[in-house]
Amino acid sequence: PLFRSSVFSIDKDSGEIRLQSSLDRERVSNYQIIVEARDNGMPARSSWILLDFNVTDVNDNSPVFLDGLFPTFHVSENVSSGHYINIIRARDSDSGSNSELSFSIVGNDFGVFELNLSTGQLRTTGLLNRERQSRYSLTVKAEDNGNPRLSAISFPTIIVSD
């Protein structure tokens, strides 16, 4: 004989609690159930306990870029080295280290851009010359700190104006 819910079942004889379906911490992170034990005496005696289940996270979500896969940023050609352009923003719906992100430019940074590893802040590292190059296309990776590491790629465009 079993008691069943959509998530848990309890064997009425042994009291063993089993999962009836898989859990997803991003949907429900905590379950509370009340279990009552009752004897067959006359009069019947019973006791109950509140069980609290916290669902631990597994790294099952990749980072998501908040400004889309192809954001466009504008910068003037006469800015100095170290000029702030914008922040590459991403999030990961996992928790703990599984949601901690690091950012990097994958491939060519053209020698004039840097991306802060932890904040995603994009800055110039050299002088921009619009006549030489008016548009830069970067490939940026956001990677979580989970196991296994999950990542996503974005392709920001930087347009240099006079």
N, C-alpha and C. Protein backbone atom coordinates (compact mmCIF):
# COMPACT_ATOMS: atom_id res chain seq x y z
N PRO A 1 0.83 -1.19 0.00
CA PRO A 1 0.00 0.00 0.00
C PRO A 1 0.86 1.24 0.00
N LEU A 2 0.53 2.18 -0.89
CA LEU A 2 1.31 3.40 -1.04
C LEU A 2 0.42 4.63 -0.95
N PHE A 3 1.03 5.72 -0.47
CA PHE A 3 0.44 7.03 -0.64
C PHE A 3 1.21 7.67 -1.78
N ARG A 4 0.52 8.29 -2.73
CA ARG A 4 1.20 8.90 -3.87
C ARG A 4 0.78 10.34 -4.06
N SER A 5 1.78 11.14 -4.46
CA SER A 5 1.52 12.49 -4.98
C SER A 5 2.23 12.53 -6.32
N SER A 6 2.20 13.67 -6.97
CA SER A 6 2.88 13.76 -8.27
C SER A 6 4.40 13.74 -8.11
N VAL A 7 4.90 14.01 -6.90
CA VAL A 7 6.35 14.08 -6.69
C VAL A 7 6.86 12.95 -5.80
N PHE A 8 6.15 12.64 -4.72
CA PHE A 8 6.62 11.65 -3.74
C PHE A 8 5.60 10.53 -3.56
N SER A 9 6.11 9.38 -3.14
CA SER A 9 5.24 8.31 -2.68
C SER A 9 5.80 7.80 -1.36
N ILE A 10 4.92 7.33 -0.48
CA ILE A 10 5.33 6.80 0.82
C ILE A 10 4.72 5.42 0.97
N ASP A 11 5.58 4.45 1.23
CA ASP A 11 5.10 3.10 1.51
C ASP A 11 4.46 3.13 2.90
N LYS A 12 3.18 2.74 3.00
CA LYS A 12 2.44 2.82 4.28
C LYS A 12 2.96 1.85 5.33
N ASP A 13 3.60 0.77 4.89
CA ASP A 13 4.12 -0.21 5.85
C ASP A 13 5.52 0.14 6.34
N SER A 14 6.42 0.47 5.40
CA SER A 14 7.80 0.71 5.78
C SER A 14 8.11 2.19 6.03
N GLY A 15 7.30 3.10 5.49
CA GLY A 15 7.56 4.53 5.62
C GLY A 15 8.58 5.04 4.61
N GLU A 16 9.02 4.17 3.71
CA GLU A 16 10.02 4.58 2.72
C GLU A 16 9.41 5.63 1.77
N ILE A 17 10.16 6.73 1.59
CA ILE A 17 9.74 7.81 0.72
C ILE A 17 10.53 7.71 -0.58
N ARG A 18 9.82 7.77 -1.69
CA ARG A 18 10.45 7.67 -3.01
C ARG A 18 10.00 8.81 -3.90
N LEU A 19 10.87 9.16 -4.84
CA LEU A 19 10.51 10.15 -5.85
C LEU A 19 9.65 9.50 -6.92
N GLN A 20 8.63 10.21 -7.36
CA GLN A 20 7.75 9.73 -8.43
C GLN A 20 8.10 10.36 -9.77
N SER A 21 8.83 11.46 -9.73
CA SER A 21 9.22 12.16 -10.96
C SER A 21 10.53 12.89 -10.71
N SER A 22 11.15 13.34 -11.78
CA SER A 22 12.41 14.06 -11.63
C SER A 22 12.14 15.45 -11.07
N LEU A 23 13.16 16.01 -10.42
CA LEU A 23 13.04 17.33 -9.81
C LEU A 23 13.83 18.34 -10.64
N ASP A 24 13.39 19.58 -10.64
CA ASP A 24 14.07 20.66 -11.33
C ASP A 24 14.15 21.85 -10.37
N ARG A 25 15.34 22.10 -9.84
CA ARG A 25 15.53 23.15 -8.84
C ARG A 25 15.12 24.52 -9.36
N GLU A 26 15.26 24.76 -10.66
CA GLU A 26 14.89 26.06 -11.20
C GLU A 26 13.36 26.26 -11.18
N ARG A 27 12.60 25.19 -11.13
CA ARG A 27 11.14 25.30 -11.04
C ARG A 27 10.67 25.29 -9.59
N VAL A 28 11.14 24.32 -8.80
CA VAL A 28 10.78 24.23 -7.37
C VAL A 28 12.06 23.84 -6.62
N SER A 29 12.48 24.71 -5.69
CA SER A 29 13.74 24.45 -4.99
C SER A 29 13.53 23.82 -3.61
N ASN A 30 12.28 23.75 -3.14
CA ASN A 30 12.04 23.23 -1.80
C ASN A 30 10.67 22.55 -1.75
N TYR A 31 10.62 21.42 -1.09
CA TYR A 31 9.35 20.71 -0.86
C TYR A 31 9.19 20.49 0.63
N GLN A 32 7.98 20.61 1.11
CA GLN A 32 7.66 20.28 2.49
C GLN A 32 6.49 19.31 2.47
N ILE A 33 6.65 18.21 3.20
CA ILE A 33 5.55 17.26 3.32
C ILE A 33 5.37 16.90 4.79
N ILE A 34 4.14 16.64 5.14
CA ILE A 34 3.82 16.19 6.49
C ILE A 34 3.55 14.70 6.42
N VAL A 35 4.28 13.96 7.24
CA VAL A 35 4.11 12.50 7.29
C VAL A 35 3.50 12.14 8.64
N GLU A 36 2.45 11.35 8.60
CA GLU A 36 1.81 10.90 9.82
C GLU A 36 2.02 9.40 9.96
N ALA A 37 2.42 8.98 11.17
CA ALA A 37 2.52 7.55 11.50
C ALA A 37 1.39 7.23 12.47
N ARG A 38 0.69 6.13 12.19
CA ARG A 38 -0.46 5.76 13.02
C ARG A 38 -0.37 4.27 13.31
N ASP A 39 -0.66 3.90 14.56
CA ASP A 39 -0.66 2.48 14.89
C ASP A 39 -2.06 1.90 14.71
N ASN A 40 -2.18 0.60 14.91
CA ASN A 40 -3.47 -0.07 14.75
C ASN A 40 -4.14 -0.35 16.09
N GLY A 41 -3.70 0.34 17.12
CA GLY A 41 -4.26 0.10 18.46
C GLY A 41 -5.65 0.69 18.62
N MET A 42 -6.24 0.35 19.76
CA MET A 42 -7.55 0.88 20.12
C MET A 42 -7.39 1.60 21.44
N PRO A 43 -7.41 2.83 21.52
CA PRO A 43 -7.59 3.77 20.42
C PRO A 43 -6.28 3.91 19.63
N ALA A 44 -6.40 4.29 18.37
CA ALA A 44 -5.22 4.48 17.51
C ALA A 44 -4.43 5.69 17.99
N ARG A 45 -3.14 5.55 17.97
CA ARG A 45 -2.26 6.66 18.34
C ARG A 45 -1.47 7.05 17.09
N SER A 46 -1.14 8.33 17.02
CA SER A 46 -0.40 8.80 15.84
C SER A 46 0.55 9.92 16.22
N SER A 47 1.45 10.15 15.33
CA SER A 47 2.41 11.24 15.45
C SER A 47 2.73 11.70 14.03
N TRP A 48 3.15 12.92 13.90
CA TRP A 48 3.49 13.42 12.58
C TRP A 48 4.78 14.21 12.63
N ILE A 49 5.38 14.39 11.46
CA ILE A 49 6.61 15.16 11.33
C ILE A 49 6.55 15.93 10.01
N LEU A 50 7.12 17.11 10.03
CA LEU A 50 7.25 17.92 8.82
C LEU A 50 8.63 17.64 8.23
N LEU A 51 8.66 17.16 7.00
CA LEU A 51 9.92 16.92 6.31
C LEU A 51 10.15 18.04 5.31
N ASP A 52 11.35 18.55 5.31
CA ASP A 52 11.73 19.67 4.45
C ASP A 52 12.83 19.18 3.51
N PHE A 53 12.55 19.19 2.20
CA PHE A 53 13.50 18.74 1.19
C PHE A 53 13.99 19.94 0.39
N ASN A 54 15.28 20.17 0.42
CA ASN A 54 15.89 21.21 -0.41
C ASN A 54 16.53 20.53 -1.62
N VAL A 55 16.17 20.98 -2.79
CA VAL A 55 16.68 20.40 -4.03
C VAL A 55 18.01 21.07 -4.36
N THR A 56 19.05 20.28 -4.50
CA THR A 56 20.36 20.83 -4.85
C THR A 56 20.46 20.99 -6.36
N ASP A 57 21.29 21.93 -6.76
CA ASP A 57 21.40 22.28 -8.17
C ASP A 57 22.37 21.35 -8.89
N VAL A 58 22.04 21.04 -10.12
CA VAL A 58 22.98 20.44 -11.06
C VAL A 58 23.14 21.44 -12.19
N ASN A 59 24.27 21.40 -12.85
CA ASN A 59 24.54 22.37 -13.91
C ASN A 59 23.83 21.93 -15.18
N ASP A 60 22.55 22.31 -15.29
CA ASP A 60 21.75 21.87 -16.44
C ASP A 60 21.27 23.03 -17.31
N ASN A 61 21.80 24.24 -17.06
CA ASN A 61 21.42 25.41 -17.86
C ASN A 61 22.66 26.13 -18.36
N SER A 62 22.66 26.45 -19.64
CA SER A 62 23.74 27.24 -20.23
C SER A 62 23.49 28.72 -19.99
N PRO A 63 24.55 29.52 -20.03
CA PRO A 63 24.35 30.97 -19.93
C PRO A 63 23.49 31.49 -21.09
N VAL A 64 22.81 32.61 -20.83
CA VAL A 64 21.98 33.26 -21.84
C VAL A 64 22.40 34.73 -21.89
N PHE A 65 22.68 35.23 -23.09
CA PHE A 65 23.04 36.64 -23.25
C PHE A 65 21.79 37.50 -23.18
N LEU A 66 21.81 38.52 -22.34
CA LEU A 66 20.62 39.34 -22.10
C LEU A 66 20.34 40.34 -23.22
N ASP A 67 21.36 40.68 -24.00
CA ASP A 67 21.17 41.62 -25.11
C ASP A 67 21.13 40.91 -26.46
N GLY A 68 20.86 39.62 -26.44
CA GLY A 68 20.76 38.85 -27.67
C GLY A 68 22.11 38.38 -28.17
N LEU A 69 22.08 37.69 -29.28
CA LEU A 69 23.31 37.11 -29.83
C LEU A 69 24.10 38.09 -30.69
N PHE A 70 23.45 39.16 -31.16
CA PHE A 70 24.10 40.09 -32.08
C PHE A 70 23.92 41.55 -31.63
N PRO A 71 24.42 41.90 -30.43
CA PRO A 71 24.27 43.29 -29.99
C PRO A 71 25.19 44.22 -30.78
N THR A 72 24.80 45.47 -30.89
CA THR A 72 25.60 46.48 -31.57
C THR A 72 25.92 47.60 -30.58
N PHE A 73 27.20 47.99 -30.54
CA PHE A 73 27.65 49.07 -29.67
C PHE A 73 28.34 50.13 -30.53
N HIS A 74 28.21 51.38 -30.14
CA HIS A 74 28.81 52.50 -30.87
C HIS A 74 29.87 53.16 -30.01
N VAL A 75 30.97 53.53 -30.65
CA VAL A 75 32.05 54.20 -29.93
C VAL A 75 32.69 55.21 -30.89
N SER A 76 33.11 56.32 -30.35
CA SER A 76 33.76 57.36 -31.14
C SER A 76 35.22 56.99 -31.38
N GLU A 77 35.75 57.39 -32.53
CA GLU A 77 37.12 57.01 -32.86
C GLU A 77 38.16 57.76 -32.03
N ASN A 78 37.80 58.86 -31.42
CA ASN A 78 38.80 59.66 -30.71
C ASN A 78 38.84 59.37 -29.20
N VAL A 79 38.35 58.21 -28.77
CA VAL A 79 38.40 57.88 -27.34
C VAL A 79 39.79 57.37 -26.98
N SER A 80 40.15 57.53 -25.73
CA SER A 80 41.47 57.07 -25.27
C SER A 80 41.44 55.57 -24.96
N SER A 81 42.61 55.00 -24.85
CA SER A 81 42.73 53.60 -24.47
C SER A 81 42.13 53.40 -23.08
N GLY A 82 41.38 52.34 -22.88
CA GLY A 82 40.72 52.07 -21.61
C GLY A 82 39.30 52.60 -21.57
N HIS A 83 38.82 53.15 -22.67
CA HIS A 83 37.47 53.72 -22.72
C HIS A 83 36.42 52.61 -22.59
N TYR A 84 35.45 52.84 -21.71
CA TYR A 84 34.34 51.91 -21.50
C TYR A 84 33.41 51.97 -22.71
N ILE A 85 33.09 50.79 -23.28
CA ILE A 85 32.16 50.72 -24.41
C ILE A 85 30.79 50.27 -23.94
N ASN A 86 30.73 49.14 -23.28
CA ASN A 86 29.46 48.62 -22.78
C ASN A 86 29.75 47.37 -21.95
N ILE A 87 28.70 46.79 -21.40
CA ILE A 87 28.82 45.53 -20.66
C ILE A 87 28.14 44.43 -21.46
N ILE A 88 28.85 43.35 -21.66
CA ILE A 88 28.26 42.15 -22.25
C ILE A 88 27.56 41.45 -21.08
N ARG A 89 26.23 41.38 -21.14
CA ARG A 89 25.46 40.86 -20.01
C ARG A 89 24.93 39.46 -20.33
N ALA A 90 25.07 38.58 -19.34
CA ALA A 90 24.53 37.23 -19.46
C ALA A 90 24.10 36.77 -18.08
N ARG A 91 23.28 35.75 -18.05
CA ARG A 91 22.86 35.15 -16.78
C ARG A 91 22.76 33.65 -16.97
N ASP A 92 22.76 32.97 -15.85
CA ASP A 92 22.62 31.51 -15.83
C ASP A 92 21.63 31.18 -14.73
N SER A 93 20.59 30.44 -15.04
CA SER A 93 19.53 30.21 -14.05
C SER A 93 19.86 29.11 -13.05
N ASP A 94 21.03 28.51 -13.14
CA ASP A 94 21.46 27.58 -12.10
C ASP A 94 21.82 28.40 -10.85
N SER A 95 22.32 27.73 -9.82
CA SER A 95 22.68 28.44 -8.60
C SER A 95 24.11 28.10 -8.19
N GLY A 96 24.62 28.88 -7.25
CA GLY A 96 25.97 28.65 -6.74
C GLY A 96 27.01 28.79 -7.84
N SER A 97 28.06 27.97 -7.77
CA SER A 97 29.13 28.06 -8.77
C SER A 97 28.63 27.71 -10.17
N ASN A 98 27.54 26.97 -10.25
CA ASN A 98 26.98 26.65 -11.57
C ASN A 98 26.46 27.89 -12.30
N SER A 99 26.23 28.97 -11.57
CA SER A 99 25.71 30.20 -12.19
C SER A 99 26.77 31.30 -12.29
N GLU A 100 27.96 31.05 -11.75
CA GLU A 100 29.03 32.06 -11.82
C GLU A 100 29.61 32.07 -13.23
N LEU A 101 29.62 33.23 -13.86
CA LEU A 101 30.03 33.33 -15.26
C LEU A 101 31.38 34.00 -15.42
N SER A 102 32.10 33.57 -16.43
CA SER A 102 33.31 34.27 -16.85
C SER A 102 33.16 34.57 -18.34
N PHE A 103 33.74 35.69 -18.75
CA PHE A 103 33.61 36.18 -20.12
C PHE A 103 34.97 36.21 -20.80
N SER A 104 34.97 35.96 -22.09
CA SER A 104 36.22 36.06 -22.85
C SER A 104 35.92 36.37 -24.30
N ILE A 105 36.89 37.03 -24.93
CA ILE A 105 36.83 37.22 -26.38
C ILE A 105 37.48 36.00 -26.99
N VAL A 106 36.73 35.34 -27.86
CA VAL A 106 37.23 34.13 -28.52
C VAL A 106 37.73 34.57 -29.89
N GLY A 107 38.98 34.25 -30.18
CA GLY A 107 39.50 34.64 -31.49
C GLY A 107 40.07 36.05 -31.46
N ASN A 108 39.82 36.78 -32.52
CA ASN A 108 40.47 38.06 -32.76
C ASN A 108 39.88 39.19 -31.93
N ASP A 109 40.74 39.87 -31.14
CA ASP A 109 40.30 41.07 -30.42
C ASP A 109 40.80 42.32 -31.14
N PHE A 110 41.44 42.13 -32.29
CA PHE A 110 41.94 43.21 -33.15
C PHE A 110 42.98 44.07 -32.46
N GLY A 111 43.44 43.65 -31.29
CA GLY A 111 44.45 44.41 -30.57
C GLY A 111 43.93 45.70 -29.98
N VAL A 112 42.62 45.93 -29.98
CA VAL A 112 42.08 47.20 -29.47
C VAL A 112 40.93 47.02 -28.49
N PHE A 113 40.61 45.77 -28.10
CA PHE A 113 39.50 45.53 -27.17
C PHE A 113 39.93 44.56 -26.08
N GLU A 114 39.34 44.75 -24.90
CA GLU A 114 39.51 43.79 -23.82
C GLU A 114 38.16 43.61 -23.13
N LEU A 115 37.97 42.43 -22.59
CA LEU A 115 36.72 42.09 -21.92
C LEU A 115 37.06 41.63 -20.51
N ASN A 116 36.48 42.29 -19.51
CA ASN A 116 36.72 41.91 -18.12
C ASN A 116 36.17 40.51 -17.89
N LEU A 117 37.00 39.63 -17.39
CA LEU A 117 36.66 38.23 -17.20
C LEU A 117 35.42 38.03 -16.33
N SER A 118 35.28 38.82 -15.27
CA SER A 118 34.18 38.58 -14.33
C SER A 118 32.97 39.49 -14.53
N THR A 119 33.17 40.71 -15.05
CA THR A 119 32.05 41.64 -15.18
C THR A 119 31.48 41.71 -16.60
N GLY A 120 32.25 41.30 -17.60
CA GLY A 120 31.81 41.42 -18.99
C GLY A 120 31.95 42.82 -19.53
N GLN A 121 32.67 43.67 -18.81
CA GLN A 121 32.85 45.06 -19.24
C GLN A 121 33.82 45.11 -20.43
N LEU A 122 33.36 45.70 -21.53
CA LEU A 122 34.13 45.81 -22.76
C LEU A 122 34.77 47.20 -22.84
N ARG A 123 36.08 47.22 -23.04
CA ARG A 123 36.84 48.48 -23.10
C ARG A 123 37.80 48.45 -24.29
N THR A 124 38.24 49.65 -24.66
CA THR A 124 39.28 49.74 -25.69
C THR A 124 40.64 49.54 -25.03
N THR A 125 41.58 49.01 -25.79
CA THR A 125 42.96 48.88 -25.30
C THR A 125 43.93 49.64 -26.20
N GLY A 126 43.39 50.22 -27.23
CA GLY A 126 44.20 50.99 -28.17
C GLY A 126 43.35 52.05 -28.83
N LEU A 127 43.96 52.79 -29.71
CA LEU A 127 43.24 53.85 -30.41
C LEU A 127 42.49 53.28 -31.60
N LEU A 128 41.30 53.82 -31.83
CA LEU A 128 40.47 53.40 -32.95
C LEU A 128 40.59 54.42 -34.07
N ASN A 129 40.68 53.95 -35.29
CA ASN A 129 40.76 54.82 -36.45
C ASN A 129 39.66 54.41 -37.42
N ARG A 130 38.62 55.24 -37.51
CA ARG A 130 37.46 54.91 -38.34
C ARG A 130 37.82 54.75 -39.81
N GLU A 131 38.77 55.55 -40.28
CA GLU A 131 39.16 55.46 -41.69
C GLU A 131 39.85 54.13 -42.00
N ARG A 132 40.51 53.57 -41.01
CA ARG A 132 41.17 52.28 -41.19
C ARG A 132 40.18 51.12 -41.01
N GLN A 133 39.33 51.23 -40.00
CA GLN A 133 38.32 50.19 -39.75
C GLN A 133 37.14 50.82 -39.01
N SER A 134 35.96 50.73 -39.62
CA SER A 134 34.78 51.38 -39.05
C SER A 134 33.87 50.42 -38.30
N ARG A 135 34.13 49.14 -38.42
CA ARG A 135 33.26 48.13 -37.81
C ARG A 135 34.12 46.94 -37.37
N TYR A 136 33.84 46.47 -36.16
CA TYR A 136 34.53 45.29 -35.63
C TYR A 136 33.48 44.26 -35.23
N SER A 137 33.71 43.03 -35.60
CA SER A 137 32.82 41.93 -35.19
C SER A 137 33.60 41.01 -34.27
N LEU A 138 33.14 40.89 -33.04
CA LEU A 138 33.81 40.06 -32.05
C LEU A 138 33.03 38.77 -31.82
N THR A 139 33.70 37.80 -31.27
CA THR A 139 33.05 36.59 -30.78
C THR A 139 33.33 36.52 -29.29
N VAL A 140 32.27 36.53 -28.49
CA VAL A 140 32.40 36.55 -27.03
C VAL A 140 31.78 35.28 -26.46
N LYS A 141 32.47 34.70 -25.50
CA LYS A 141 31.97 33.50 -24.83
C LYS A 141 31.66 33.81 -23.37
N ALA A 142 30.50 33.35 -22.90
CA ALA A 142 30.17 33.36 -21.48
C ALA A 142 30.16 31.90 -21.04
N GLU A 143 30.90 31.59 -20.00
CA GLU A 143 31.03 30.21 -19.54
C GLU A 143 30.76 30.15 -18.05
N ASP A 144 29.97 29.15 -17.63
CA ASP A 144 29.70 29.02 -16.20
C ASP A 144 30.81 28.23 -15.52
N ASN A 145 30.74 28.16 -14.22
CA ASN A 145 31.78 27.49 -13.43
C ASN A 145 31.32 26.12 -12.95
N GLY A 146 30.32 25.57 -13.62
CA GLY A 146 29.78 24.28 -13.22
C GLY A 146 30.61 23.11 -13.71
N ASN A 147 30.12 21.93 -13.42
CA ASN A 147 30.76 20.70 -13.88
C ASN A 147 29.68 19.81 -14.47
N PRO A 148 29.66 19.64 -15.78
CA PRO A 148 30.60 20.19 -16.76
C PRO A 148 30.32 21.67 -17.00
N ARG A 149 31.34 22.36 -17.49
CA ARG A 149 31.18 23.78 -17.82
C ARG A 149 30.28 23.91 -19.04
N LEU A 150 29.33 24.84 -18.96
CA LEU A 150 28.44 25.12 -20.09
C LEU A 150 28.70 26.55 -20.54
N SER A 151 28.54 26.79 -21.84
CA SER A 151 28.86 28.11 -22.36
C SER A 151 27.89 28.51 -23.46
N ALA A 152 27.97 29.78 -23.82
CA ALA A 152 27.19 30.33 -24.93
C ALA A 152 28.07 31.35 -25.64
N ILE A 153 27.75 31.61 -26.89
CA ILE A 153 28.52 32.52 -27.72
C ILE A 153 27.63 33.68 -28.18
N SER A 154 28.21 34.87 -28.19
CA SER A 154 27.54 36.07 -28.70
C SER A 154 28.47 36.74 -29.71
N PHE A 155 27.89 37.50 -30.62
CA PHE A 155 28.66 38.12 -31.70
C PHE A 155 28.42 39.64 -31.73
N PRO A 156 28.99 40.36 -30.76
CA PRO A 156 28.77 41.81 -30.74
C PRO A 156 29.51 42.52 -31.89
N THR A 157 28.89 43.58 -32.37
CA THR A 157 29.48 44.44 -33.38
C THR A 157 29.75 45.79 -32.75
N ILE A 158 30.97 46.31 -32.97
CA ILE A 158 31.32 47.63 -32.50
C ILE A 158 31.44 48.52 -33.72
N ILE A 159 30.65 49.58 -33.76
CA ILE A 159 30.69 50.53 -34.87
C ILE A 159 31.42 51.78 -34.41
N VAL A 160 32.45 52.16 -35.17
CA VAL A 160 33.27 53.32 -34.84
C VAL A 160 32.72 54.52 -35.62
N SER A 161 32.46 55.61 -34.89
CA SER A 161 31.94 56.81 -35.53
C SER A 161 32.96 57.93 -35.43
N ASP A 162 32.79 58.94 -36.28
CA ASP A 162 33.69 60.12 -36.27
C ASP A 162 33.50 60.93 -35.00
